[in-house]
Amino acid sequence: MSACDAASPATCASCVHRADDRALLERRIAGLASFGSAYGASVGESRLCLLHDVLVMPRDRCASFERRAASAHP
């Protein structure tokens, strides 16, 4: 884990339960495409919490936070 990862706040943006895959979001929320798709402004920065099955914003928090493993970026 890098110093940057260790210093990141305990928010949904760095939680293992937050699904960053917008295609998954479209598959899990029936009718989302009628609002323009998960790739448009109807979703914005929100993503799906796989634990609670709700949309969350990057700065949201909850007691079930689990830090995402550091990504292997060169």
PDB file of N, CA and C in Angstrom:
ATOM      1  N   MET A   1       0.850  -1.170   0.000  1.00  0.00           N
ATOM      2  CA  MET A   1       0.000   0.000   0.000  1.00  0.00           C
ATOM      3  C   MET A   1       0.896   1.232   0.000  1.00  0.00           C
ATOM      4  N   SER A   2       0.600   2.181  -0.867  1.00  0.00           N
ATOM      5  CA  SER A   2       1.394   3.396  -0.940  1.00  0.00           C
ATOM      6  C   SER A   2       0.973   4.368   0.148  1.00  0.00           C
ATOM      7  N   ALA A   3       1.788   5.385   0.359  1.00  0.00           N
ATOM      8  CA  ALA A   3       1.460   6.399   1.366  1.00  0.00           C
ATOM      9  C   ALA A   3       0.163   7.098   1.005  1.00  0.00           C
ATOM     10  N   CYS A   4      -0.073   7.271  -0.275  1.00  0.00           N
ATOM     11  CA  CYS A   4      -1.308   7.912  -0.737  1.00  0.00           C
ATOM     12  C   CYS A   4      -2.522   7.057  -0.388  1.00  0.00           C
ATOM     13  N   ASP A   5      -2.412   5.746  -0.595  1.00  0.00           N
ATOM     14  CA  ASP A   5      -3.524   4.856  -0.288  1.00  0.00           C
ATOM     15  C   ASP A   5      -3.810   4.821   1.209  1.00  0.00           C
ATOM     16  N   ALA A   6      -2.760   4.792   2.018  1.00  0.00           N
ATOM     17  CA  ALA A   6      -2.923   4.735   3.470  1.00  0.00           C
ATOM     18  C   ALA A   6      -3.554   6.019   3.999  1.00  0.00           C
ATOM     19  N   ALA A   7      -3.301   7.138   3.316  1.00  0.00           N
ATOM     20  CA  ALA A   7      -3.815   8.424   3.770  1.00  0.00           C
ATOM     21  C   ALA A   7      -5.217   8.711   3.253  1.00  0.00           C
ATOM     22  N   SER A   8      -5.712   7.906   2.326  1.00  0.00           N
ATOM     23  CA  SER A   8      -7.040   8.176   1.775  1.00  0.00           C
ATOM     24  C   SER A   8      -8.098   7.969   2.855  1.00  0.00           C
ATOM     25  N   PRO A   9      -9.113   8.831   2.852  1.00  0.00           N
ATOM     26  CA  PRO A   9     -10.139   8.740   3.904  1.00  0.00           C
ATOM     27  C   PRO A   9     -10.992   7.483   3.784  1.00  0.00           C
ATOM     28  N   ALA A  10     -11.633   7.115   4.860  1.00  0.00           N
ATOM     29  CA  ALA A  10     -12.507   5.941   4.888  1.00  0.00           C
ATOM     30  C   ALA A  10     -13.856   6.305   4.295  1.00  0.00           C
ATOM     31  N   THR A  11     -13.867   6.543   3.004  1.00  0.00           N
ATOM     32  CA  THR A  11     -15.088   6.898   2.292  1.00  0.00           C
ATOM     33  C   THR A  11     -15.387   5.855   1.226  1.00  0.00           C
ATOM     34  N   CYS A  12     -16.558   5.944   0.649  1.00  0.00           N
ATOM     35  CA  CYS A  12     -16.954   4.979  -0.379  1.00  0.00           C
ATOM     36  C   CYS A  12     -15.988   4.961  -1.563  1.00  0.00           C
ATOM     37  N   ALA A  13     -15.349   6.070  -1.843  1.00  0.00           N
ATOM     38  CA  ALA A  13     -14.420   6.131  -2.970  1.00  0.00           C
ATOM     39  C   ALA A  13     -13.284   5.125  -2.836  1.00  0.00           C
ATOM     40  N   SER A  14     -12.895   4.796  -1.603  1.00  0.00           N
ATOM     41  CA  SER A  14     -11.786   3.855  -1.397  1.00  0.00           C
ATOM     42  C   SER A  14     -12.242   2.544  -0.744  1.00  0.00           C
ATOM     43  N   CYS A  15     -13.528   2.244  -0.865  1.00  0.00           N
ATOM     44  CA  CYS A  15     -14.082   1.039  -0.245  1.00  0.00           C
ATOM     45  C   CYS A  15     -14.155  -0.122  -1.240  1.00  0.00           C
ATOM     46  N   VAL A  16     -13.883  -1.310  -0.750  1.00  0.00           N
ATOM     47  CA  VAL A  16     -13.917  -2.516  -1.564  1.00  0.00           C
ATOM     48  C   VAL A  16     -15.330  -2.832  -2.070  1.00  0.00           C
ATOM     49  N   HIS A  17     -16.352  -2.359  -1.388  1.00  0.00           N
ATOM     50  CA  HIS A  17     -17.731  -2.664  -1.765  1.00  0.00           C
ATOM     51  C   HIS A  17     -18.269  -1.773  -2.878  1.00  0.00           C
ATOM     52  N   ARG A  18     -17.563  -0.710  -3.218  1.00  0.00           N
ATOM     53  CA  ARG A  18     -18.018   0.219  -4.255  1.00  0.00           C
ATOM     54  C   ARG A  18     -17.641  -0.337  -5.626  1.00  0.00           C
ATOM     55  N   ALA A  19     -18.622  -0.555  -6.464  1.00  0.00           N
ATOM     56  CA  ALA A  19     -18.394  -1.103  -7.807  1.00  0.00           C
ATOM     57  C   ALA A  19     -18.147   0.041  -8.780  1.00  0.00           C
ATOM     58  N   ASP A  20     -16.925   0.156  -9.279  1.00  0.00           N
ATOM     59  CA  ASP A  20     -16.587   1.224 -10.215  1.00  0.00           C
ATOM     60  C   ASP A  20     -17.017   0.914 -11.644  1.00  0.00           C
ATOM     61  N   ASP A  21     -17.467  -0.292 -11.895  1.00  0.00           N
ATOM     62  CA  ASP A  21     -17.859  -0.736 -13.239  1.00  0.00           C
ATOM     63  C   ASP A  21     -19.249  -0.207 -13.591  1.00  0.00           C
ATOM     64  N   ARG A  22     -19.302   0.755 -14.488  1.00  0.00           N
ATOM     65  CA  ARG A  22     -20.596   1.343 -14.860  1.00  0.00           C
ATOM     66  C   ARG A  22     -21.469   0.351 -15.627  1.00  0.00           C
ATOM     67  N   ALA A  23     -20.861  -0.568 -16.348  1.00  0.00           N
ATOM     68  CA  ALA A  23     -21.643  -1.577 -17.063  1.00  0.00           C
ATOM     69  C   ALA A  23     -22.394  -2.456 -16.057  1.00  0.00           C
ATOM     70  N   LEU A  24     -21.757  -2.772 -14.946  1.00  0.00           N
ATOM     71  CA  LEU A  24     -22.414  -3.537 -13.889  1.00  0.00           C
ATOM     72  C   LEU A  24     -23.608  -2.756 -13.348  1.00  0.00           C
ATOM     73  N   LEU A  25     -23.443  -1.473 -13.197  1.00  0.00           N
ATOM     74  CA  LEU A  25     -24.517  -0.612 -12.712  1.00  0.00           C
ATOM     75  C   LEU A  25     -25.732  -0.701 -13.638  1.00  0.00           C
ATOM     76  N   GLU A  26     -25.506  -0.653 -14.937  1.00  0.00           N
ATOM     77  CA  GLU A  26     -26.613  -0.749 -15.895  1.00  0.00           C
ATOM     78  C   GLU A  26     -27.293  -2.110 -15.842  1.00  0.00           C
ATOM     79  N   ARG A  27     -26.521  -3.167 -15.606  1.00  0.00           N
ATOM     80  CA  ARG A  27     -27.116  -4.500 -15.526  1.00  0.00           C
ATOM     81  C   ARG A  27     -27.932  -4.679 -14.250  1.00  0.00           C
ATOM     82  N   ARG A  28     -27.495  -4.076 -13.149  1.00  0.00           N
ATOM     83  CA  ARG A  28     -28.143  -4.279 -11.847  1.00  0.00           C
ATOM     84  C   ARG A  28     -29.371  -3.406 -11.623  1.00  0.00           C
ATOM     85  N   ILE A  29     -29.447  -2.262 -12.314  1.00  0.00           N
ATOM     86  CA  ILE A  29     -30.573  -1.350 -12.112  1.00  0.00           C
ATOM     87  C   ILE A  29     -31.439  -1.345 -13.364  1.00  0.00           C
ATOM     88  N   ALA A  30     -32.507  -2.100 -13.293  1.00  0.00           N
ATOM     89  CA  ALA A  30     -33.422  -2.189 -14.438  1.00  0.00           C
ATOM     90  C   ALA A  30     -33.994  -0.814 -14.768  1.00  0.00           C
ATOM     91  N   GLY A  31     -33.993  -0.471 -16.044  1.00  0.00           N
ATOM     92  CA  GLY A  31     -34.572   0.790 -16.476  1.00  0.00           C
ATOM     93  C   GLY A  31     -33.629   1.976 -16.422  1.00  0.00           C
ATOM     94  N   LEU A  32     -32.399   1.776 -15.945  1.00  0.00           N
ATOM     95  CA  LEU A  32     -31.467   2.890 -15.855  1.00  0.00           C
ATOM     96  C   LEU A  32     -31.215   3.520 -17.223  1.00  0.00           C
ATOM     97  N   ALA A  33     -31.180   2.704 -18.255  1.00  0.00           N
ATOM     98  CA  ALA A  33     -30.932   3.219 -19.601  1.00  0.00           C
ATOM     99  C   ALA A  33     -31.975   4.238 -20.033  1.00  0.00           C
ATOM    100  N   SER A  34     -33.173   4.150 -19.466  1.00  0.00           N
ATOM    101  CA  SER A  34     -34.215   5.117 -19.834  1.00  0.00           C
ATOM    102  C   SER A  34     -33.867   6.524 -19.343  1.00  0.00           C
ATOM    103  N   PHE A  35     -32.939   6.624 -18.391  1.00  0.00           N
ATOM    104  CA  PHE A  35     -32.481   7.925 -17.902  1.00  0.00           C
ATOM    105  C   PHE A  35     -31.243   8.412 -18.641  1.00  0.00           C
ATOM    106  N   GLY A  36     -30.757   7.639 -19.581  1.00  0.00           N
ATOM    107  CA  GLY A  36     -29.618   8.055 -20.378  1.00  0.00           C
ATOM    108  C   GLY A  36     -28.435   7.118 -20.310  1.00  0.00           C
ATOM    109  N   SER A  37     -28.312   6.279 -19.320  1.00  0.00           N
ATOM    110  CA  SER A  37     -27.288   5.255 -19.118  1.00  0.00           C
ATOM    111  C   SER A  37     -26.410   5.577 -17.930  1.00  0.00           C
ATOM    112  N   ALA A  38     -25.651   4.591 -17.519  1.00  0.00           N
ATOM    113  CA  ALA A  38     -24.734   4.745 -16.391  1.00  0.00           C
ATOM    114  C   ALA A  38     -23.507   5.548 -16.786  1.00  0.00           C
ATOM    115  N   TYR A  39     -23.382   5.865 -18.067  1.00  0.00           N
ATOM    116  CA  TYR A  39     -22.223   6.613 -18.536  1.00  0.00           C
ATOM    117  C   TYR A  39     -22.532   8.096 -18.654  1.00  0.00           C
ATOM    118  N   GLY A  40     -23.728   8.507 -18.316  1.00  0.00           N
ATOM    119  CA  GLY A  40     -24.123   9.895 -18.481  1.00  0.00           C
ATOM    120  C   GLY A  40     -24.306  10.639 -17.178  1.00  0.00           C
ATOM    121  N   ALA A  41     -24.908  11.795 -17.306  1.00  0.00           N
ATOM    122  CA  ALA A  41     -25.091  12.691 -16.168  1.00  0.00           C
ATOM    123  C   ALA A  41     -26.114  12.177 -15.168  1.00  0.00           C
ATOM    124  N   SER A  42     -26.964  11.226 -15.564  1.00  0.00           N
ATOM    125  CA  SER A  42     -27.975  10.725 -14.629  1.00  0.00           C
ATOM    126  C   SER A  42     -27.343  10.004 -13.447  1.00  0.00           C
ATOM    127  N   VAL A  43     -26.142   9.493 -13.620  1.00  0.00           N
ATOM    128  CA  VAL A  43     -25.453   8.777 -12.553  1.00  0.00           C
ATOM    129  C   VAL A  43     -24.344   9.635 -11.952  1.00  0.00           C
ATOM    130  N   GLY A  44     -23.667  10.405 -12.773  1.00  0.00           N
ATOM    131  CA  GLY A  44     -22.591  11.261 -12.283  1.00  0.00           C
ATOM    132  C   GLY A  44     -21.492  10.468 -11.614  1.00  0.00           C
ATOM    133  N   GLU A  45     -21.110  10.868 -10.411  1.00  0.00           N
ATOM    134  CA  GLU A  45     -20.037  10.193  -9.673  1.00  0.00           C
ATOM    135  C   GLU A  45     -20.535   9.026  -8.834  1.00  0.00           C
ATOM    136  N   SER A  46     -21.842   8.829  -8.773  1.00  0.00           N
ATOM    137  CA  SER A  46     -22.365   7.753  -7.928  1.00  0.00           C
ATOM    138  C   SER A  46     -22.040   6.391  -8.528  1.00  0.00           C
ATOM    139  N   ARG A  47     -21.882   5.421  -7.644  1.00  0.00           N
ATOM    140  CA  ARG A  47     -21.619   4.041  -8.033  1.00  0.00           C
ATOM    141  C   ARG A  47     -22.436   3.136  -7.123  1.00  0.00           C
ATOM    142  N   LEU A  48     -22.486   1.879  -7.470  1.00  0.00           N
ATOM    143  CA  LEU A  48     -23.267   0.912  -6.719  1.00  0.00           C
ATOM    144  C   LEU A  48     -22.454   0.343  -5.558  1.00  0.00           C
ATOM    145  N   CYS A  49     -23.060   0.338  -4.368  1.00  0.00           N
ATOM    146  CA  CYS A  49     -22.465  -0.347  -3.225  1.00  0.00           C
ATOM    147  C   CYS A  49     -22.954  -1.784  -3.286  1.00  0.00           C
ATOM    148  N   LEU A  50     -22.037  -2.705  -3.481  1.00  0.00           N
ATOM    149  CA  LEU A  50     -22.405  -4.118  -3.614  1.00  0.00           C
ATOM    150  C   LEU A  50     -22.861  -4.733  -2.301  1.00  0.00           C
ATOM    151  N   LEU A  51     -22.496  -4.134  -1.185  1.00  0.00           N
ATOM    152  CA  LEU A  51     -22.898  -4.650   0.112  1.00  0.00           C
ATOM    153  C   LEU A  51     -24.332  -4.241   0.459  1.00  0.00           C
ATOM    154  N   HIS A  52     -24.636  -2.965   0.269  1.00  0.00           N
ATOM    155  CA  HIS A  52     -25.952  -2.441   0.649  1.00  0.00           C
ATOM    156  C   HIS A  52     -26.929  -2.322  -0.521  1.00  0.00           C
ATOM    157  N   ASP A  53     -26.449  -2.527  -1.749  1.00  0.00           N
ATOM    158  CA  ASP A  53     -27.268  -2.453  -2.958  1.00  0.00           C
ATOM    159  C   ASP A  53     -27.953  -1.090  -3.096  1.00  0.00           C
ATOM    160  N   VAL A  54     -27.169  -0.043  -2.908  1.00  0.00           N
ATOM    161  CA  VAL A  54     -27.641   1.335  -3.073  1.00  0.00           C
ATOM    162  C   VAL A  54     -26.586   2.123  -3.839  1.00  0.00           C
ATOM    163  N   LEU A  55     -27.008   3.235  -4.427  1.00  0.00           N
ATOM    164  CA  LEU A  55     -26.048   4.124  -5.069  1.00  0.00           C
ATOM    165  C   LEU A  55     -25.374   4.970  -3.997  1.00  0.00           C
ATOM    166  N   VAL A  56     -24.062   5.118  -4.120  1.00  0.00           N
ATOM    167  CA  VAL A  56     -23.298   5.916  -3.172  1.00  0.00           C
ATOM    168  C   VAL A  56     -22.446   6.929  -3.918  1.00  0.00           C
ATOM    169  N   MET A  57     -22.181   8.033  -3.263  1.00  0.00           N
ATOM    170  CA  MET A  57     -21.284   9.054  -3.794  1.00  0.00           C
ATOM    171  C   MET A  57     -19.892   8.800  -3.216  1.00  0.00           C
ATOM    172  N   PRO A  58     -18.838   9.292  -3.872  1.00  0.00           N
ATOM    173  CA  PRO A  58     -17.476   9.027  -3.406  1.00  0.00           C
ATOM    174  C   PRO A  58     -17.218   9.439  -1.955  1.00  0.00           C
ATOM    175  N   ARG A  59     -17.850  10.500  -1.481  1.00  0.00           N
ATOM    176  CA  ARG A  59     -17.592  10.977  -0.112  1.00  0.00           C
ATOM    177  C   ARG A  59     -18.510  10.359   0.941  1.00  0.00           C
ATOM    178  N   ASP A  60     -19.440   9.503   0.517  1.00  0.00           N
ATOM    179  CA  ASP A  60     -20.315   8.831   1.484  1.00  0.00           C
ATOM    180  C   ASP A  60     -19.480   7.919   2.382  1.00  0.00           C
ATOM    181  N   ARG A  61     -20.040   7.604   3.556  1.00  0.00           N
ATOM    182  CA  ARG A  61     -19.367   6.730   4.523  1.00  0.00           C
ATOM    183  C   ARG A  61     -20.386   5.810   5.177  1.00  0.00           C
ATOM    184  N   CYS A  62     -19.903   4.684   5.705  1.00  0.00           N
ATOM    185  CA  CYS A  62     -20.747   3.830   6.530  1.00  0.00           C
ATOM    186  C   CYS A  62     -19.863   2.977   7.425  1.00  0.00           C
ATOM    187  N   ALA A  63     -20.479   2.301   8.371  1.00  0.00           N
ATOM    188  CA  ALA A  63     -19.738   1.484   9.337  1.00  0.00           C
ATOM    189  C   ALA A  63     -19.173   0.208   8.715  1.00  0.00           C
ATOM    190  N   SER A  64     -19.597  -0.134   7.506  1.00  0.00           N
ATOM    191  CA  SER A  64     -19.134  -1.370   6.864  1.00  0.00           C
ATOM    192  C   SER A  64     -17.930  -1.154   5.956  1.00  0.00           C
ATOM    193  N   PHE A  65     -17.288   0.002   6.062  1.00  0.00           N
ATOM    194  CA  PHE A  65     -16.144   0.337   5.209  1.00  0.00           C
ATOM    195  C   PHE A  65     -15.038  -0.704   5.317  1.00  0.00           C
ATOM    196  N   GLU A  66     -14.528  -1.118   4.144  1.00  0.00           N
ATOM    197  CA  GLU A  66     -13.346  -1.979   4.057  1.00  0.00           C
ATOM    198  C   GLU A  66     -12.468  -1.400   2.970  1.00  0.00           C
ATOM    199  N   ARG A  67     -11.250  -1.029   3.342  1.00  0.00           N
ATOM    200  CA  ARG A  67     -10.348  -0.383   2.376  1.00  0.00           C
ATOM    201  C   ARG A  67     -10.033  -1.311   1.211  1.00  0.00           C
ATOM    202  N   ARG A  68     -10.107  -0.753   0.023  1.00  0.00           N
ATOM    203  CA  ARG A  68      -9.757  -1.463  -1.214  1.00  0.00           C
ATOM    204  C   ARG A  68      -8.252  -1.681  -1.244  1.00  0.00           C
ATOM    205  N   ALA A  69      -7.827  -2.824  -1.726  1.00  0.00           N
ATOM    206  CA  ALA A  69      -6.394  -3.109  -1.856  1.00  0.00           C
ATOM    207  C   ALA A  69      -5.772  -2.115  -2.823  1.00  0.00           C
ATOM    208  N   ALA A  70      -4.530  -1.786  -2.580  1.00  0.00           N
ATOM    209  CA  ALA A  70      -3.813  -0.845  -3.447  1.00  0.00           C
ATOM    210  C   ALA A  70      -3.734  -1.412  -4.850  1.00  0.00           C
ATOM    211  N   SER A  71      -3.990  -0.567  -5.835  1.00  0.00           N
ATOM    212  CA  SER A  71      -3.898  -1.025  -7.223  1.00  0.00           C
ATOM    213  C   SER A  71      -2.438  -1.068  -7.642  1.00  0.00           C
ATOM    214  N   ALA A  72      -2.145  -1.927  -8.574  1.00  0.00           N
ATOM    215  CA  ALA A  72      -0.769  -2.118  -9.030  1.00  0.00           C
ATOM    216  C   ALA A  72      -0.488  -1.227 -10.231  1.00  0.00           C
ATOM    217  N   HIS A  73      -0.399   0.066  -9.999  1.00  0.00           N
ATOM    218  CA  HIS A  73      -0.066   1.002 -11.063  1.00  0.00           C
ATOM    219  C   HIS A  73       1.444   1.186 -11.110  1.00  0.00           C
ATOM    220  N   PRO A  74       2.041   1.157 -12.315  1.00  0.00           N
ATOM    221  CA  PRO A  74       3.515   1.319 -12.420  1.00  0.00           C
ATOM    222  C   PRO A  74       3.949   2.707 -12.028  1.00  0.00           C
TER     223      PRO A  74
END
